[in-house]
Amino acid sequence: MRPLLRFWFFAALAAVVASACGGGSEPDAPGAVVPPTDTTRVDAASTESEQPKGGPVVVMLGDSLVAGFNLPLDEALPAQIEARLAEAGVAANVINAGVSGDTTAGGLARYEFSVRAAEPDLLVLALGANDFLGGVDAARARENLTAILRLAADDDVPVVLFGLGARSEGAPREAAYAQIYPALAETFDAPL
């Protein structure tokens, strides 16, 4: 990602996290410790006591781009976002709920233990690329993403939606996938 684009991406995400979670978390006293920036994977074995207290909880539900395929956990996207949020004064706990190779169906199946179990203040939903690459019909991917967004709405969890865009004109499958995300963002009033 180009440096200026990276700056605006992190600035925008910090603003969304801060507004969705009620602003940055101020330490109670001078010299107070801000929660660590290590990223935790949420699964059935995770407990609330493993998560730092005091800041908003952000769950990033996604595929290898979230999981950080072939990267140390501290270099994966959730850890990098958590560090940038900390620099912006938002002491968030960004949970890496990414699974390499995951699809929208897999994300939907994991919602209960990857998202709901964490009781997040914000969900970042970044799925669909593997559906596209695997030839899954765009309508099926949209159904799965809609189901995830409905679960989040039922849980009163705001969502930031990451989507796919068409890379070339005249590619019907790309266009079908590219149309999913703006439509869902509008329907669920989610930043895209």
Protein backbone atom coordinates (compact mmCIF):
# COMPACT_ATOMS: atom_id res chain seq x y z
CA MET A 1 0.00 0.00 0.00
CA ARG A 2 1.37 3.43 -0.88
CA PRO A 3 2.37 5.57 2.15
CA LEU A 4 -0.28 8.27 1.64
CA LEU A 5 -3.00 5.69 1.02
CA ARG A 6 -1.84 3.76 4.09
CA PHE A 7 -2.02 6.94 6.19
CA TRP A 8 -5.58 7.72 5.08
CA PHE A 9 -6.67 4.10 5.56
CA PHE A 10 -5.45 4.02 9.15
CA ALA A 11 -6.74 7.53 9.86
CA ALA A 12 -10.18 6.59 8.56
CA LEU A 13 -10.23 3.32 10.49
CA ALA A 14 -9.17 5.12 13.67
CA ALA A 15 -12.02 7.60 13.21
CA VAL A 16 -14.53 4.80 12.62
CA VAL A 17 -13.32 2.82 15.63
CA ALA A 18 -13.33 5.91 17.84
CA SER A 19 -16.84 6.93 16.79
CA ALA A 20 -18.27 3.40 16.92
CA CYS A 21 -16.75 2.70 20.30
CA GLY A 22 -17.35 6.02 22.00
CA GLY A 23 -13.97 7.64 21.51
CA GLY A 24 -10.46 6.95 22.63
CA SER A 25 -9.68 5.47 25.96
CA GLU A 26 -7.87 7.83 28.33
CA PRO A 27 -5.64 6.34 31.00
CA ASP A 28 -7.06 6.83 34.50
CA ALA A 29 -3.90 8.45 35.82
CA PRO A 30 -0.67 9.90 34.47
CA GLY A 31 1.69 7.07 33.60
CA ALA A 32 -1.13 4.50 33.43
CA VAL A 33 -0.37 1.49 31.27
CA VAL A 34 -2.13 1.26 27.92
CA PRO A 35 -3.26 -2.28 26.97
CA PRO A 36 -0.61 -4.27 25.11
CA THR A 37 -0.72 -4.46 21.33
CA ASP A 38 -0.52 -8.20 20.95
CA THR A 39 -3.30 -9.70 18.85
CA THR A 40 -5.29 -12.68 20.09
CA ARG A 41 -7.11 -15.22 17.96
CA VAL A 42 -10.60 -15.87 19.24
CA ASP A 43 -11.74 -19.45 19.43
CA ALA A 44 -13.74 -21.61 21.76
CA ALA A 45 -10.82 -21.79 24.20
CA SER A 46 -10.40 -17.99 24.50
CA THR A 47 -11.61 -16.30 27.63
CA GLU A 48 -12.41 -12.72 28.48
CA SER A 49 -9.55 -12.67 30.97
CA GLU A 50 -7.05 -13.03 28.11
CA GLN A 51 -8.15 -9.69 26.65
CA PRO A 52 -6.80 -6.36 27.87
CA LYS A 53 -9.34 -4.23 29.75
CA GLY A 54 -10.20 -0.59 29.24
CA GLY A 55 -10.47 -0.08 25.49
CA PRO A 56 -12.90 -1.01 22.77
CA VAL A 57 -12.76 -4.54 21.36
CA VAL A 58 -12.55 -4.77 17.58
CA VAL A 59 -12.87 -8.17 15.90
CA MET A 60 -11.49 -8.51 12.38
CA LEU A 61 -13.28 -11.45 10.73
CA GLY A 62 -11.57 -12.31 7.48
CA ASP A 63 -9.33 -14.49 5.38
CA SER A 64 -5.54 -14.63 4.90
CA LEU A 65 -5.35 -10.87 4.39
CA VAL A 66 -6.56 -10.47 7.98
CA ALA A 67 -4.87 -13.57 9.38
CA GLY A 68 -1.49 -12.44 8.07
CA PHE A 69 -0.62 -15.54 6.06
CA ASN A 70 3.12 -16.23 6.44
CA LEU A 71 3.58 -13.25 8.77
CA PRO A 72 4.32 -13.17 12.50
CA LEU A 73 1.12 -12.23 14.38
CA ASP A 74 2.55 -8.83 15.31
CA GLU A 75 2.91 -8.02 11.60
CA ALA A 76 -0.61 -9.10 10.60
CA LEU A 77 -3.17 -6.44 9.71
CA PRO A 78 -5.05 -6.51 13.06
CA ALA A 79 -1.85 -5.97 15.06
CA GLN A 80 -0.78 -3.19 12.70
CA ILE A 81 -4.18 -1.50 13.01
CA GLU A 82 -4.08 -1.83 16.78
CA ALA A 83 -0.65 -0.18 16.84
CA ARG A 84 -1.83 2.66 14.57
CA LEU A 85 -4.94 3.16 16.69
CA ALA A 86 -2.74 3.35 19.80
CA GLU A 87 -0.64 6.02 18.05
CA ALA A 88 -3.90 7.93 17.37
CA GLY A 89 -4.87 7.71 21.05
CA VAL A 90 -7.39 4.86 20.75
CA ALA A 91 -6.41 2.00 23.09
CA ALA A 92 -8.32 -0.71 21.22
CA ASN A 93 -7.93 -4.46 21.49
CA VAL A 94 -7.99 -5.63 17.86
CA ILE A 95 -8.64 -9.36 17.69
CA ASN A 96 -7.37 -11.34 14.73
CA ALA A 97 -10.24 -13.62 13.69
CA GLY A 98 -8.75 -14.23 10.27
CA VAL A 99 -8.34 -17.69 8.79
CA SER A 100 -6.30 -18.23 5.66
CA GLY A 101 -8.46 -19.61 2.86
CA ASP A 102 -11.69 -18.69 4.63
CA THR A 103 -14.87 -18.00 2.71
CA THR A 104 -18.05 -16.14 3.57
CA ALA A 105 -19.61 -19.50 4.53
CA GLY A 106 -16.68 -20.22 6.86
CA GLY A 107 -16.95 -16.76 8.42
CA LEU A 108 -20.65 -17.28 8.98
CA ALA A 109 -19.99 -20.66 10.59
CA ARG A 110 -17.35 -19.10 12.86
CA TYR A 111 -19.41 -16.06 13.89
CA GLU A 112 -20.53 -17.51 17.22
CA PHE A 113 -17.06 -18.26 18.58
CA SER A 114 -14.98 -15.76 16.61
CA VAL A 115 -17.19 -12.70 17.01
CA ARG A 116 -20.00 -13.14 19.52
CA ALA A 117 -17.71 -14.78 22.10
CA ALA A 118 -15.47 -11.69 22.06
CA GLU A 119 -18.40 -9.31 22.73
CA PRO A 120 -16.89 -6.71 20.37
CA ASP A 121 -17.60 -3.01 20.16
CA LEU A 122 -16.91 -3.17 16.42
CA LEU A 123 -16.68 -5.86 13.74
CA VAL A 124 -14.45 -5.45 10.69
CA LEU A 125 -15.78 -7.86 8.07
CA ALA A 126 -13.31 -8.70 5.29
CA LEU A 127 -14.50 -11.80 3.44
CA GLY A 128 -15.36 -12.75 -0.12
CA ALA A 129 -12.05 -12.94 -2.00
CA ASN A 130 -11.77 -16.70 -1.61
CA ASP A 131 -15.41 -17.13 -2.64
CA PHE A 132 -14.59 -15.22 -5.83
CA LEU A 133 -11.38 -17.15 -6.47
CA GLY A 134 -13.15 -20.46 -5.77
CA GLY A 135 -15.95 -19.79 -8.24
CA VAL A 136 -18.69 -19.39 -5.62
CA ASP A 137 -21.73 -17.66 -7.09
CA ALA A 138 -21.91 -14.00 -6.07
CA ALA A 139 -25.49 -14.50 -4.84
CA ARG A 140 -24.29 -17.15 -2.35
CA ALA A 141 -21.49 -14.91 -1.08
CA ARG A 142 -23.99 -12.07 -0.67
CA GLU A 143 -26.36 -14.34 1.30
CA ASN A 144 -23.55 -15.32 3.67
CA LEU A 145 -22.36 -11.74 4.15
CA THR A 146 -25.96 -10.64 4.72
CA ALA A 147 -26.36 -13.32 7.39
CA ILE A 148 -23.17 -12.16 9.16
CA LEU A 149 -24.33 -8.54 9.03
CA ARG A 150 -27.75 -9.53 10.44
CA LEU A 151 -26.10 -11.42 13.30
CA ALA A 152 -23.97 -8.36 14.07
CA ALA A 153 -27.08 -6.13 13.93
CA ASP A 154 -28.90 -8.53 16.29
CA ASP A 155 -25.90 -8.27 18.63
CA ASP A 156 -25.92 -4.46 18.26
CA VAL A 157 -22.35 -4.52 16.91
CA PRO A 158 -21.48 -1.88 14.30
CA VAL A 159 -19.62 -3.19 11.25
CA VAL A 160 -16.96 -1.83 8.92
CA LEU A 161 -17.19 -3.73 5.63
CA PHE A 162 -14.16 -4.38 3.41
CA GLY A 163 -15.08 -5.43 -0.12
CA LEU A 164 -13.89 -6.42 -3.54
CA GLY A 165 -13.87 -4.11 -6.52
CA ALA A 166 -13.91 -4.98 -10.21
CA ARG A 167 -10.39 -4.83 -11.62
CA SER A 168 -11.38 -4.91 -15.28
CA GLU A 169 -14.34 -3.81 -17.35
CA GLY A 170 -16.50 -6.41 -19.03
CA ALA A 171 -15.88 -9.11 -16.42
CA PRO A 172 -19.37 -10.16 -15.26
CA ARG A 173 -18.22 -12.19 -12.22
CA GLU A 174 -16.03 -9.34 -11.00
CA ALA A 175 -18.86 -6.88 -11.51
CA ALA A 176 -21.29 -9.13 -9.63
CA TYR A 177 -18.92 -9.33 -6.64
CA ALA A 178 -18.10 -5.62 -6.78
CA GLN A 179 -21.83 -4.80 -6.52
CA ILE A 180 -22.30 -6.83 -3.33
CA TYR A 181 -20.36 -4.57 -0.98
CA PRO A 182 -21.80 -1.11 -1.71
CA ALA A 183 -25.31 -2.56 -1.63
CA LEU A 184 -24.75 -4.25 1.73
CA ALA A 185 -23.02 -1.16 3.12
CA GLU A 186 -26.07 0.90 2.23
CA THR A 187 -28.59 -1.66 3.52
CA PHE A 188 -26.80 -2.11 6.85
CA ASP A 189 -25.51 1.48 7.13
CA ALA A 190 -21.94 0.18 7.37
CA PRO A 191 -18.84 2.11 6.30
CA LEU A 192 -17.23 0.47 3.27
